[in-house]
């Protein structure tokens, strides 16, 4: 595309960057390799787009470029023999795909945020893996990413949890299986509260004690936090997720008073039925509740204190909240209150919503105990992956580690391949399948490429298994390729254009190469939209394009002048697949 921009820019009065943004890939291969729409030039040139397209095409043809006008578009076809080696070199550059959209700006991503004393259900998966992917994508695009796990470790639910424990719990059962036992107590509380309203009153009193520092309330709360974090950390390790900061809501307890005082000083607080609120009538929103009737704080109070701390102390330039779409009104209220407080940076606060997740038709509800435990889902996915691997490759060494990478990767990819705003009805059968638009399909394609590279290097399967870990390093990296391939490859680097056979770049290899070269535009789109599915779908497209190439053109046994190009194309494909998967938090096993 860059080559086309260089040629078109002088003919239009636009910069190369402006042309690049306008260039499109034609919907059909026979139309060419790039298409330039002329609609935006009509006003400045005072001509019809069709006329402009004809003039640009004629000028390009006169300069030796294969170009043709098609209505208001200019279709361009590149010389494969000339451009293919250049693209291969570009793909191997250390700077390829590195964007500077952020220019070092600090973007803080609020993600995962499970509730203490509740199970890490599959419903928490979305915020966790979407947030982790965005962290990596923003980092890749030139931002300084900061991840924060904003634990739900404060609030009235702890009054309910303590009440339930005091009434029906015992320490022995809680120690034996803390999360499941806590869930049972929480569910029982809500069941009993329907018949006994005094339970809600008792729960509010326990939370009030907790806020006032009551010793027993603090002790029970600390225990719930400890056992919950042990469970959560096991899940994070399996999901390959780390956090720069884990700061629960309780961290901001001593910071909320200043926020309430500031709201009062700025004349924003009003009394409403015994509570304190900020009215948002002009914004057509209900009042934002700050202090409840019983004097306790609520989510908006803590989120206001949190945002101010993140801006002033953590020096975040942008604040992203990866939280379900059902919280849309809450964040609109919080951001609006920040604006009313005079904080211009409130415009840089953004809610990154996502749709609901159902697990094979079931919606998650902690209150009713309808929770699908993520650990159980991961275990089942790994078991299914292990069975498929056993059927396909019964002699694979370290198959358990590979199955873990494939099974867990299938769950992560199964979430991220969908637009984040879509509701997901998650199916294990679909996610773990090695066919279709799945993580295992992409991983299997990567492993296939490693096999091709080993074959090209004349390395037997037995030799390859002796020197490579199935989860680390590639055949291309760990095995010294034969002298013929090495010489031919370096020859290609030194004399890219002269030593490439005329028919080396077939239709499928050309389509694959162009797709690999388009990676930066996919990354940019993913970041600008805060949409990891763009990269997930890109890996599927690349895997499918490689498999078409694999079936249509000889690679490892191709003739001289062709083999080096195609093997290098395969290697570049493997690099891009592995790297793109890593941005999503998915491993790429060398063998499967």
Foldseek 3Di string as FASTA:
>chain_A
DLVVLVLQCVVQVHHSVVQVVQKDQDPDVVQAGIKGAQPVRCVVVVHDLQVSLQVSQVVCVVVPWPWDGDRSMIHGHDQCLVVLLVLLVLLPDPCALQAQPPQAAEEEEAFLAEEFLAFSFCQSVLRQLLRLLLQLLVVSNNYNYAYEHAHNLADLLLLQLVLLCVVDNDPVVCVVPVNVVSLVSLLVSLVVCVVPVVSSVSSVVLNVCVLVPPPVSVVVSVVSRVVRVVNVVVVCVLLVHDHPYYHYLVNCSVQLVVVVVLCVVLVQWDDDPQFIWGCDVVVVAHTHTAADNVGDGDDLSSVLSVVVCCCPPVVHQAYEYEEAPVCVRVLVNSLVVCVSSPDPSSVRYYYNHFAFEAAQPHGDDSNNPRGHRPVVQLVVLLVVLLVVCCVVPVPDPPSSVVSSLLSSLLSLLQQQLDWRHDYYHDDSVVSNDCDDLHRNVLLQLLLVLLVLLCLLQVHDPVRLSVFDDQQDDGCVGGPDRDPVLVVLLVVCVVVVSPLADSCLCDPLLVVLSSLSSCSSVLSVVCNVSSGLSSLSVSSVVNSVSVVVVPVPDDESPDDGNRNNSRSSSSVSSSVSNQVSSVSSSHTRGNHD
